[in-house]
Amino acid sequence: MKAGLAQTCIAWEDKGKNFEEVQKYVKEAKKDGAEIIFFPEMSLTGFSMHTDLTGETGWETVNRVRTLAQKEKLP
């Protein structure tokens, strides 16, 4: 199994921008033959002490990444 390791520049309190960054890394790693990709802690939600901005009541971020992984045929 070939693994990819991403070092992203986390956008402060900006889930949308962080997800765009994740998409870019997933596509690049997939093109290079990666079957699994690891991201740093907080790389999806963006670091914040304001949980009212980054917190979730459901699994929005998890579902978004799951959909991306399925689309790119990653485990």
PDB file of N, CA and C in Angstrom:
ATOM      1  N   MET A   1       0.842  -1.174   0.000  1.00  0.00           N
ATOM      2  CA  MET A   1       0.000   0.000   0.000  1.00  0.00           C
ATOM      3  C   MET A   1       0.894   1.246   0.000  1.00  0.00           C
ATOM      4  N   LYS A   2       0.579   2.177  -0.866  1.00  0.00           N
ATOM      5  CA  LYS A   2       1.315   3.435  -0.930  1.00  0.00           C
ATOM      6  C   LYS A   2       0.522   4.502  -0.185  1.00  0.00           C
ATOM      7  N   ALA A   3       1.182   5.154   0.774  1.00  0.00           N
ATOM      8  CA  ALA A   3       0.527   6.175   1.591  1.00  0.00           C
ATOM      9  C   ALA A   3       1.027   7.560   1.206  1.00  0.00           C
ATOM     10  N   GLY A   4       0.132   8.528   1.326  1.00  0.00           N
ATOM     11  CA  GLY A   4       0.484   9.928   1.111  1.00  0.00           C
ATOM     12  C   GLY A   4       0.413  10.674   2.434  1.00  0.00           C
ATOM     13  N   LEU A   5       1.284  11.614   2.599  1.00  0.00           N
ATOM     14  CA  LEU A   5       1.308  12.429   3.809  1.00  0.00           C
ATOM     15  C   LEU A   5       1.250  13.895   3.394  1.00  0.00           C
ATOM     16  N   ALA A   6       0.216  14.602   3.830  1.00  0.00           N
ATOM     17  CA  ALA A   6       0.030  16.000   3.433  1.00  0.00           C
ATOM     18  C   ALA A   6       0.427  16.935   4.570  1.00  0.00           C
ATOM     19  N   GLN A   7       1.117  17.989   4.221  1.00  0.00           N
ATOM     20  CA  GLN A   7       1.421  19.058   5.171  1.00  0.00           C
ATOM     21  C   GLN A   7       0.735  20.303   4.633  1.00  0.00           C
ATOM     22  N   THR A   8      -0.415  20.602   5.182  1.00  0.00           N
ATOM     23  CA  THR A   8      -1.226  21.689   4.645  1.00  0.00           C
ATOM     24  C   THR A   8      -0.995  22.983   5.421  1.00  0.00           C
ATOM     25  N   CYS A   9      -1.365  24.058   4.776  1.00  0.00           N
ATOM     26  CA  CYS A   9      -1.371  25.366   5.426  1.00  0.00           C
ATOM     27  C   CYS A   9      -2.817  25.593   5.871  1.00  0.00           C
ATOM     28  N   ILE A  10      -3.074  25.457   7.157  1.00  0.00           N
ATOM     29  CA  ILE A  10      -4.436  25.509   7.685  1.00  0.00           C
ATOM     30  C   ILE A  10      -4.959  26.943   7.662  1.00  0.00           C
ATOM     31  N   ALA A  11      -6.142  27.119   7.073  1.00  0.00           N
ATOM     32  CA  ALA A  11      -6.801  28.424   7.044  1.00  0.00           C
ATOM     33  C   ALA A  11      -7.590  28.594   8.342  1.00  0.00           C
ATOM     34  N   TRP A  12      -7.286  29.623   9.074  1.00  0.00           N
ATOM     35  CA  TRP A  12      -7.903  29.915  10.366  1.00  0.00           C
ATOM     36  C   TRP A  12      -9.416  30.029  10.218  1.00  0.00           C
ATOM     37  N   GLU A  13     -10.150  29.155  10.905  1.00  0.00           N
ATOM     38  CA  GLU A  13     -11.609  29.198  11.003  1.00  0.00           C
ATOM     39  C   GLU A  13     -12.321  29.188   9.652  1.00  0.00           C
ATOM     40  N   ASP A  14     -11.746  28.545   8.649  1.00  0.00           N
ATOM     41  CA  ASP A  14     -12.338  28.553   7.311  1.00  0.00           C
ATOM     42  C   ASP A  14     -12.413  27.133   6.752  1.00  0.00           C
ATOM     43  N   LYS A  15     -13.502  26.452   7.075  1.00  0.00           N
ATOM     44  CA  LYS A  15     -13.670  25.056   6.640  1.00  0.00           C
ATOM     45  C   LYS A  15     -13.681  24.918   5.121  1.00  0.00           C
ATOM     46  N   GLY A  16     -14.306  25.854   4.429  1.00  0.00           N
ATOM     47  CA  GLY A  16     -14.385  25.790   2.973  1.00  0.00           C
ATOM     48  C   GLY A  16     -13.013  25.840   2.325  1.00  0.00           C
ATOM     49  N   LYS A  17     -12.197  26.776   2.745  1.00  0.00           N
ATOM     50  CA  LYS A  17     -10.849  26.915   2.194  1.00  0.00           C
ATOM     51  C   LYS A  17      -9.998  25.692   2.542  1.00  0.00           C
ATOM     52  N   ASN A  18     -10.144  25.181   3.759  1.00  0.00           N
ATOM     53  CA  ASN A  18      -9.405  23.995   4.160  1.00  0.00           C
ATOM     54  C   ASN A  18      -9.812  22.781   3.327  1.00  0.00           C
ATOM     55  N   PHE A  19     -11.092  22.662   3.024  1.00  0.00           N
ATOM     56  CA  PHE A  19     -11.541  21.531   2.213  1.00  0.00           C
ATOM     57  C   PHE A  19     -10.998  21.639   0.791  1.00  0.00           C
ATOM     58  N   GLU A  20     -10.923  22.846   0.252  1.00  0.00           N
ATOM     59  CA  GLU A  20     -10.329  23.044  -1.075  1.00  0.00           C
ATOM     60  C   GLU A  20      -8.876  22.556  -1.079  1.00  0.00           C
ATOM     61  N   GLU A  21      -8.161  22.855  -0.004  1.00  0.00           N
ATOM     62  CA  GLU A  21      -6.765  22.425   0.130  1.00  0.00           C
ATOM     63  C   GLU A  21      -6.687  20.889   0.193  1.00  0.00           C
ATOM     64  N   VAL A  22      -7.595  20.280   0.938  1.00  0.00           N
ATOM     65  CA  VAL A  22      -7.641  18.821   1.060  1.00  0.00           C
ATOM     66  C   VAL A  22      -7.911  18.200  -0.310  1.00  0.00           C
ATOM     67  N   GLN A  23      -8.862  18.754  -1.050  1.00  0.00           N
ATOM     68  CA  GLN A  23      -9.172  18.235  -2.386  1.00  0.00           C
ATOM     69  C   GLN A  23      -7.932  18.259  -3.280  1.00  0.00           C
ATOM     70  N   LYS A  24      -7.195  19.350  -3.232  1.00  0.00           N
ATOM     71  CA  LYS A  24      -5.986  19.492  -4.049  1.00  0.00           C
ATOM     72  C   LYS A  24      -4.980  18.400  -3.702  1.00  0.00           C
ATOM     73  N   TYR A  25      -4.756  18.177  -2.413  1.00  0.00           N
ATOM     74  CA  TYR A  25      -3.789  17.169  -1.980  1.00  0.00           C
ATOM     75  C   TYR A  25      -4.264  15.756  -2.306  1.00  0.00           C
ATOM     76  N   VAL A  26      -5.548  15.501  -2.173  1.00  0.00           N
ATOM     77  CA  VAL A  26      -6.086  14.174  -2.481  1.00  0.00           C
ATOM     78  C   VAL A  26      -5.873  13.857  -3.957  1.00  0.00           C
ATOM     79  N   LYS A  27      -6.205  14.790  -4.825  1.00  0.00           N
ATOM     80  CA  LYS A  27      -6.045  14.563  -6.263  1.00  0.00           C
ATOM     81  C   LYS A  27      -4.574  14.347  -6.631  1.00  0.00           C
ATOM     82  N   GLU A  28      -3.697  15.138  -6.038  1.00  0.00           N
ATOM     83  CA  GLU A  28      -2.263  15.008  -6.314  1.00  0.00           C
ATOM     84  C   GLU A  28      -1.726  13.663  -5.824  1.00  0.00           C
ATOM     85  N   ALA A  29      -2.096  13.292  -4.601  1.00  0.00           N
ATOM     86  CA  ALA A  29      -1.629  12.025  -4.041  1.00  0.00           C
ATOM     87  C   ALA A  29      -2.183  10.838  -4.824  1.00  0.00           C
ATOM     88  N   LYS A  30      -3.433  10.922  -5.207  1.00  0.00           N
ATOM     89  CA  LYS A  30      -4.056   9.853  -5.988  1.00  0.00           C
ATOM     90  C   LYS A  30      -3.342   9.689  -7.327  1.00  0.00           C
ATOM     91  N   LYS A  31      -2.996  10.822  -7.959  1.00  0.00           N
ATOM     92  CA  LYS A  31      -2.274  10.800  -9.236  1.00  0.00           C
ATOM     93  C   LYS A  31      -0.907  10.127  -9.076  1.00  0.00           C
ATOM     94  N   ASP A  32      -0.312  10.282  -7.882  1.00  0.00           N
ATOM     95  CA  ASP A  32       0.997   9.680  -7.596  1.00  0.00           C
ATOM     96  C   ASP A  32       0.886   8.239  -7.102  1.00  0.00           C
ATOM     97  N   GLY A  33      -0.331   7.699  -7.076  1.00  0.00           N
ATOM     98  CA  GLY A  33      -0.512   6.301  -6.725  1.00  0.00           C
ATOM     99  C   GLY A  33      -0.829   6.014  -5.258  1.00  0.00           C
ATOM    100  N   ALA A  34      -1.094   7.047  -4.471  1.00  0.00           N
ATOM    101  CA  ALA A  34      -1.422   6.828  -3.051  1.00  0.00           C
ATOM    102  C   ALA A  34      -2.784   6.144  -2.918  1.00  0.00           C
ATOM    103  N   GLU A  35      -2.857   5.250  -1.970  1.00  0.00           N
ATOM    104  CA  GLU A  35      -4.108   4.555  -1.671  1.00  0.00           C
ATOM    105  C   GLU A  35      -4.741   5.069  -0.385  1.00  0.00           C
ATOM    106  N   ILE A  36      -3.940   5.771   0.400  1.00  0.00           N
ATOM    107  CA  ILE A  36      -4.416   6.367   1.643  1.00  0.00           C
ATOM    108  C   ILE A  36      -3.629   7.660   1.858  1.00  0.00           C
ATOM    109  N   ILE A  37      -4.286   8.648   2.437  1.00  0.00           N
ATOM    110  CA  ILE A  37      -3.648   9.952   2.640  1.00  0.00           C
ATOM    111  C   ILE A  37      -3.897  10.407   4.070  1.00  0.00           C
ATOM    112  N   PHE A  38      -2.847  10.878   4.709  1.00  0.00           N
ATOM    113  CA  PHE A  38      -2.939  11.363   6.078  1.00  0.00           C
ATOM    114  C   PHE A  38      -2.800  12.883   6.100  1.00  0.00           C
ATOM    115  N   PHE A  39      -3.654  13.519   6.900  1.00  0.00           N
ATOM    116  CA  PHE A  39      -3.644  14.974   7.055  1.00  0.00           C
ATOM    117  C   PHE A  39      -3.378  15.343   8.503  1.00  0.00           C
ATOM    118  N   PRO A  40      -2.811  16.522   8.731  1.00  0.00           N
ATOM    119  CA  PRO A  40      -2.549  16.959  10.110  1.00  0.00           C
ATOM    120  C   PRO A  40      -3.848  17.223  10.881  1.00  0.00           C
ATOM    121  N   GLU A  41      -3.722  17.153  12.172  1.00  0.00           N
ATOM    122  CA  GLU A  41      -4.833  17.490  13.056  1.00  0.00           C
ATOM    123  C   GLU A  41      -5.326  18.899  12.731  1.00  0.00           C
ATOM    124  N   MET A  42      -6.619  19.089  12.765  1.00  0.00           N
ATOM    125  CA  MET A  42      -7.271  20.380  12.539  1.00  0.00           C
ATOM    126  C   MET A  42      -7.196  20.854  11.092  1.00  0.00           C
ATOM    127  N   SER A  43      -6.703  20.040  10.167  1.00  0.00           N
ATOM    128  CA  SER A  43      -6.554  20.506   8.788  1.00  0.00           C
ATOM    129  C   SER A  43      -7.886  20.656   8.062  1.00  0.00           C
ATOM    130  N   LEU A  44      -8.936  20.071   8.568  1.00  0.00           N
ATOM    131  CA  LEU A  44     -10.234  20.200   7.909  1.00  0.00           C
ATOM    132  C   LEU A  44     -11.083  21.328   8.495  1.00  0.00           C
ATOM    133  N   THR A  45     -11.091  21.439   9.786  1.00  0.00           N
ATOM    134  CA  THR A  45     -11.939  22.465  10.401  1.00  0.00           C
ATOM    135  C   THR A  45     -11.233  23.797  10.537  1.00  0.00           C
ATOM    136  N   GLY A  46      -9.926  23.790  10.590  1.00  0.00           N
ATOM    137  CA  GLY A  46      -9.185  25.024  10.835  1.00  0.00           C
ATOM    138  C   GLY A  46      -9.163  25.283  12.320  1.00  0.00           C
ATOM    139  N   PHE A  47      -8.024  25.610  12.828  1.00  0.00           N
ATOM    140  CA  PHE A  47      -7.892  25.817  14.262  1.00  0.00           C
ATOM    141  C   PHE A  47      -8.706  27.017  14.711  1.00  0.00           C
ATOM    142  N   SER A  48      -9.315  26.914  15.872  1.00  0.00           N
ATOM    143  CA  SER A  48     -10.072  28.028  16.429  1.00  0.00           C
ATOM    144  C   SER A  48     -10.421  27.749  17.877  1.00  0.00           C
ATOM    145  N   MET A  49     -10.482  28.789  18.646  1.00  0.00           N
ATOM    146  CA  MET A  49     -11.006  28.690  20.004  1.00  0.00           C
ATOM    147  C   MET A  49     -12.502  29.000  19.997  1.00  0.00           C
ATOM    148  N   HIS A  50     -13.024  29.399  18.840  1.00  0.00           N
ATOM    149  CA  HIS A  50     -14.440  29.752  18.690  1.00  0.00           C
ATOM    150  C   HIS A  50     -15.209  28.556  18.143  1.00  0.00           C
ATOM    151  N   THR A  51     -15.613  27.681  19.028  1.00  0.00           N
ATOM    152  CA  THR A  51     -16.298  26.468  18.591  1.00  0.00           C
ATOM    153  C   THR A  51     -17.649  26.777  17.951  1.00  0.00           C
ATOM    154  N   ASP A  52     -18.183  27.964  18.180  1.00  0.00           N
ATOM    155  CA  ASP A  52     -19.422  28.337  17.506  1.00  0.00           C
ATOM    156  C   ASP A  52     -19.194  28.488  15.991  1.00  0.00           C
ATOM    157  N   LEU A  53     -17.950  28.737  15.572  1.00  0.00           N
ATOM    158  CA  LEU A  53     -17.621  28.863  14.152  1.00  0.00           C
ATOM    159  C   LEU A  53     -17.209  27.543  13.523  1.00  0.00           C
ATOM    160  N   THR A  54     -16.511  26.707  14.271  1.00  0.00           N
ATOM    161  CA  THR A  54     -15.970  25.474  13.692  1.00  0.00           C
ATOM    162  C   THR A  54     -16.669  24.208  14.173  1.00  0.00           C
ATOM    163  N   GLY A  55     -17.450  24.322  15.227  1.00  0.00           N
ATOM    164  CA  GLY A  55     -18.147  23.154  15.756  1.00  0.00           C
ATOM    165  C   GLY A  55     -19.254  22.695  14.821  1.00  0.00           C
ATOM    166  N   GLU A  56     -19.665  21.464  14.985  1.00  0.00           N
ATOM    167  CA  GLU A  56     -20.711  20.899  14.143  1.00  0.00           C
ATOM    168  C   GLU A  56     -21.718  20.152  14.995  1.00  0.00           C
ATOM    169  N   THR A  57     -22.955  20.154  14.557  1.00  0.00           N
ATOM    170  CA  THR A  57     -23.984  19.407  15.270  1.00  0.00           C
ATOM    171  C   THR A  57     -24.117  17.995  14.711  1.00  0.00           C
ATOM    172  N   GLY A  58     -23.631  17.808  13.514  1.00  0.00           N
ATOM    173  CA  GLY A  58     -23.681  16.493  12.861  1.00  0.00           C
ATOM    174  C   GLY A  58     -22.289  16.095  12.412  1.00  0.00           C
ATOM    175  N   TRP A  59     -22.251  15.399  11.323  1.00  0.00           N
ATOM    176  CA  TRP A  59     -20.988  14.908  10.787  1.00  0.00           C
ATOM    177  C   TRP A  59     -20.686  15.556   9.432  1.00  0.00           C
ATOM    178  N   GLU A  60     -20.938  16.857   9.327  1.00  0.00           N
ATOM    179  CA  GLU A  60     -20.811  17.546   8.045  1.00  0.00           C
ATOM    180  C   GLU A  60     -19.427  17.363   7.420  1.00  0.00           C
ATOM    181  N   THR A  61     -18.373  17.635   8.179  1.00  0.00           N
ATOM    182  CA  THR A  61     -17.015  17.543   7.647  1.00  0.00           C
ATOM    183  C   THR A  61     -16.652  16.098   7.336  1.00  0.00           C
ATOM    184  N   VAL A  62     -16.988  15.193   8.217  1.00  0.00           N
ATOM    185  CA  VAL A  62     -16.702  13.770   7.991  1.00  0.00           C
ATOM    186  C   VAL A  62     -17.404  13.291   6.720  1.00  0.00           C
ATOM    187  N   ASN A  63     -18.657  13.654   6.561  1.00  0.00           N
ATOM    188  CA  ASN A  63     -19.405  13.231   5.376  1.00  0.00           C
ATOM    189  C   ASN A  63     -18.833  13.836   4.099  1.00  0.00           C
ATOM    190  N   ARG A  64     -18.390  15.067   4.181  1.00  0.00           N
ATOM    191  CA  ARG A  64     -17.797  15.739   3.016  1.00  0.00           C
ATOM    192  C   ARG A  64     -16.516  15.024   2.570  1.00  0.00           C
ATOM    193  N   VAL A  65     -15.692  14.664   3.538  1.00  0.00           N
ATOM    194  CA  VAL A  65     -14.441  13.969   3.221  1.00  0.00           C
ATOM    195  C   VAL A  65     -14.729  12.538   2.768  1.00  0.00           C
ATOM    196  N   ARG A  66     -15.701  11.894   3.381  1.00  0.00           N
ATOM    197  CA  ARG A  66     -16.080  10.544   2.967  1.00  0.00           C
ATOM    198  C   ARG A  66     -16.524  10.537   1.507  1.00  0.00           C
ATOM    199  N   THR A  67     -17.327  11.513   1.125  1.00  0.00           N
ATOM    200  CA  THR A  67     -17.786  11.625  -0.255  1.00  0.00           C
ATOM    201  C   THR A  67     -16.609  11.826  -1.211  1.00  0.00           C
ATOM    202  N   LEU A  68     -15.661  12.665  -0.816  1.00  0.00           N
ATOM    203  CA  LEU A  68     -14.457  12.885  -1.622  1.00  0.00           C
ATOM    204  C   LEU A  68     -13.660  11.589  -1.778  1.00  0.00           C
ATOM    205  N   ALA A  69     -13.477  10.874  -0.687  1.00  0.00           N
ATOM    206  CA  ALA A  69     -12.724   9.614  -0.726  1.00  0.00           C
ATOM    207  C   ALA A  69     -13.413   8.595  -1.636  1.00  0.00           C
ATOM    208  N   GLN A  70     -14.730   8.518  -1.563  1.00  0.00           N
ATOM    209  CA  GLN A  70     -15.456   7.592  -2.419  1.00  0.00           C
ATOM    210  C   GLN A  70     -15.336   7.989  -3.884  1.00  0.00           C
ATOM    211  N   LYS A  71     -15.426   9.284  -4.144  1.00  0.00           N
ATOM    212  CA  LYS A  71     -15.303   9.785  -5.516  1.00  0.00           C
ATOM    213  C   LYS A  71     -13.929   9.459  -6.103  1.00  0.00           C
ATOM    214  N   GLU A  72     -12.904   9.580  -5.269  1.00  0.00           N
ATOM    215  CA  GLU A  72     -11.526   9.323  -5.714  1.00  0.00           C
ATOM    216  C   GLU A  72     -11.123   7.861  -5.546  1.00  0.00           C
ATOM    217  N   LYS A  73     -12.071   7.029  -5.084  1.00  0.00           N
ATOM    218  CA  LYS A  73     -11.841   5.592  -4.902  1.00  0.00           C
ATOM    219  C   LYS A  73     -10.695   5.294  -3.941  1.00  0.00           C
ATOM    220  N   LEU A  74     -10.720   5.992  -2.809  1.00  0.00           N
ATOM    221  CA  LEU A  74      -9.783   5.726  -1.723  1.00  0.00           C
ATOM    222  C   LEU A  74     -10.503   4.912  -0.663  1.00  0.00           C
ATOM    223  N   PRO A  75      -9.775   4.099   0.106  1.00  0.00           N
ATOM    224  CA  PRO A  75     -10.454   3.271   1.116  1.00  0.00           C
ATOM    225  C   PRO A  75     -11.102   4.102   2.211  1.00  0.00           C
TER     226      PRO A  75
END
